[in-house]
Amino acid sequence: MSSSPEINLQEKIVDLEIRLTHQEEHILSLDKVVYEQDKLLSALLEKVKQMDEKLKSTGENNILSSNEESPPPHY
């Protein structure tokens, strides 16, 4: 009878080790996803900054007022 609780404890330890291994694999997988998303987010933020600077550099001088703008072709 002394070996039964020992076997049960051994099975629990093995089960915990398996679960830990799976959790570590999931954590590494999620870490890669977060890293890729961070790179993408940084690239997108840089692109937005560039577009904002380009828009600001064109200024409002390039926008015609409603009086200066020609009517649409269907008029």
C-alpha atoms as a PDB file:
ATOM      1  CA  MET A   1       0.000   0.000   0.000  1.00  0.00           C
ATOM      2  CA  SER A   2       2.877   2.357   0.500  1.00  0.00           C
ATOM      3  CA  SER A   3       3.673   2.389  -3.223  1.00  0.00           C
ATOM      4  CA  SER A   4       0.159   3.488  -4.274  1.00  0.00           C
ATOM      5  CA  PRO A   5       0.354   6.999  -2.802  1.00  0.00           C
ATOM      6  CA  GLU A   6       3.895   7.237  -4.121  1.00  0.00           C
ATOM      7  CA  ILE A   7       2.740   6.317  -7.644  1.00  0.00           C
ATOM      8  CA  ASN A   8      -0.138   8.771  -7.406  1.00  0.00           C
ATOM      9  CA  LEU A   9       2.265  11.516  -6.353  1.00  0.00           C
ATOM     10  CA  GLN A  10       4.637  10.591  -9.188  1.00  0.00           C
ATOM     11  CA  GLU A  11       1.757  10.791 -11.712  1.00  0.00           C
ATOM     12  CA  LYS A  12       0.797  14.215 -10.397  1.00  0.00           C
ATOM     13  CA  ILE A  13       4.371  15.433 -10.732  1.00  0.00           C
ATOM     14  CA  VAL A  14       4.595  14.136 -14.317  1.00  0.00           C
ATOM     15  CA  ASP A  15       1.256  15.791 -15.137  1.00  0.00           C
ATOM     16  CA  LEU A  16       2.470  19.099 -13.708  1.00  0.00           C
ATOM     17  CA  GLU A  17       5.709  18.870 -15.678  1.00  0.00           C
ATOM     18  CA  ILE A  18       3.760  18.265 -18.895  1.00  0.00           C
ATOM     19  CA  ARG A  19       1.487  21.223 -18.174  1.00  0.00           C
ATOM     20  CA  LEU A  20       4.484  23.424 -17.427  1.00  0.00           C
ATOM     21  CA  THR A  21       6.113  22.445 -20.711  1.00  0.00           C
ATOM     22  CA  HIS A  22       2.948  23.306 -22.654  1.00  0.00           C
ATOM     23  CA  GLN A  23       2.627  26.623 -20.850  1.00  0.00           C
ATOM     24  CA  GLU A  24       6.221  27.497 -21.660  1.00  0.00           C
ATOM     25  CA  GLU A  25       5.595  26.722 -25.334  1.00  0.00           C
ATOM     26  CA  HIS A  26       2.499  28.934 -25.338  1.00  0.00           C
ATOM     27  CA  ILE A  27       4.362  31.759 -23.627  1.00  0.00           C
ATOM     28  CA  LEU A  28       7.154  31.612 -26.212  1.00  0.00           C
ATOM     29  CA  SER A  29       4.594  31.586 -29.015  1.00  0.00           C
ATOM     30  CA  LEU A  30       2.754  34.582 -27.564  1.00  0.00           C
ATOM     31  CA  ASP A  31       6.040  36.386 -27.023  1.00  0.00           C
ATOM     32  CA  LYS A  32       6.816  36.041 -30.737  1.00  0.00           C
ATOM     33  CA  VAL A  33       3.386  37.407 -31.637  1.00  0.00           C
ATOM     34  CA  VAL A  34       3.815  40.390 -29.330  1.00  0.00           C
ATOM     35  CA  TYR A  35       7.275  41.071 -30.786  1.00  0.00           C
ATOM     36  CA  GLU A  36       5.955  40.994 -34.369  1.00  0.00           C
ATOM     37  CA  GLN A  37       3.026  43.232 -33.449  1.00  0.00           C
ATOM     38  CA  ASP A  38       5.387  45.689 -31.773  1.00  0.00           C
ATOM     39  CA  LYS A  39       7.503  45.862 -34.933  1.00  0.00           C
ATOM     40  CA  LEU A  40       4.399  46.400 -37.056  1.00  0.00           C
ATOM     41  CA  LEU A  41       3.048  49.051 -34.704  1.00  0.00           C
ATOM     42  CA  SER A  42       6.365  50.911 -34.741  1.00  0.00           C
ATOM     43  CA  ALA A  43       6.430  50.845 -38.541  1.00  0.00           C
ATOM     44  CA  LEU A  44       2.849  52.084 -38.749  1.00  0.00           C
ATOM     45  CA  LEU A  45       3.524  54.885 -36.280  1.00  0.00           C
ATOM     46  CA  GLU A  46       6.526  55.978 -38.329  1.00  0.00           C
ATOM     47  CA  LYS A  47       4.403  55.950 -41.484  1.00  0.00           C
ATOM     48  CA  VAL A  48       1.729  58.073 -39.789  1.00  0.00           C
ATOM     49  CA  LYS A  49       4.391  60.560 -38.677  1.00  0.00           C
ATOM     50  CA  GLN A  50       5.715  60.788 -42.233  1.00  0.00           C
ATOM     51  CA  MET A  51       2.233  61.307 -43.642  1.00  0.00           C
ATOM     52  CA  ASP A  52       1.470  63.941 -40.989  1.00  0.00           C
ATOM     53  CA  GLU A  53       4.687  65.822 -41.791  1.00  0.00           C
ATOM     54  CA  LYS A  54       3.955  65.627 -45.513  1.00  0.00           C
ATOM     55  CA  LEU A  55       0.442  66.930 -44.970  1.00  0.00           C
ATOM     56  CA  LYS A  56       1.701  69.773 -42.777  1.00  0.00           C
ATOM     57  CA  SER A  57       4.399  70.675 -45.312  1.00  0.00           C
ATOM     58  CA  THR A  58       1.852  71.059 -48.097  1.00  0.00           C
ATOM     59  CA  GLY A  59       0.020  73.498 -45.874  1.00  0.00           C
ATOM     60  CA  GLU A  60      -3.330  75.038 -46.479  1.00  0.00           C
ATOM     61  CA  ASN A  61      -1.965  77.133 -49.357  1.00  0.00           C
ATOM     62  CA  ASN A  62      -2.724  74.290 -51.754  1.00  0.00           C
ATOM     63  CA  ILE A  63      -6.395  74.198 -50.769  1.00  0.00           C
ATOM     64  CA  LEU A  64      -8.644  76.416 -52.851  1.00  0.00           C
ATOM     65  CA  SER A  65     -11.489  78.319 -51.296  1.00  0.00           C
ATOM     66  CA  SER A  66     -15.012  77.510 -52.421  1.00  0.00           C
ATOM     67  CA  ASN A  67     -15.055  80.726 -54.547  1.00  0.00           C
ATOM     68  CA  GLU A  68     -11.871  79.782 -56.377  1.00  0.00           C
ATOM     69  CA  GLU A  69     -12.806  76.176 -57.009  1.00  0.00           C
ATOM     70  CA  SER A  70     -14.443  75.363 -60.337  1.00  0.00           C
ATOM     71  CA  PRO A  71     -17.883  73.766 -60.237  1.00  0.00           C
ATOM     72  CA  PRO A  72     -18.188  70.028 -60.705  1.00  0.00           C
ATOM     73  CA  PRO A  73     -18.586  68.747 -64.278  1.00  0.00           C
ATOM     74  CA  HIS A  74     -22.274  67.938 -63.908  1.00  0.00           C
ATOM     75  CA  TYR A  75     -23.227  71.648 -63.585  1.00  0.00           C
END
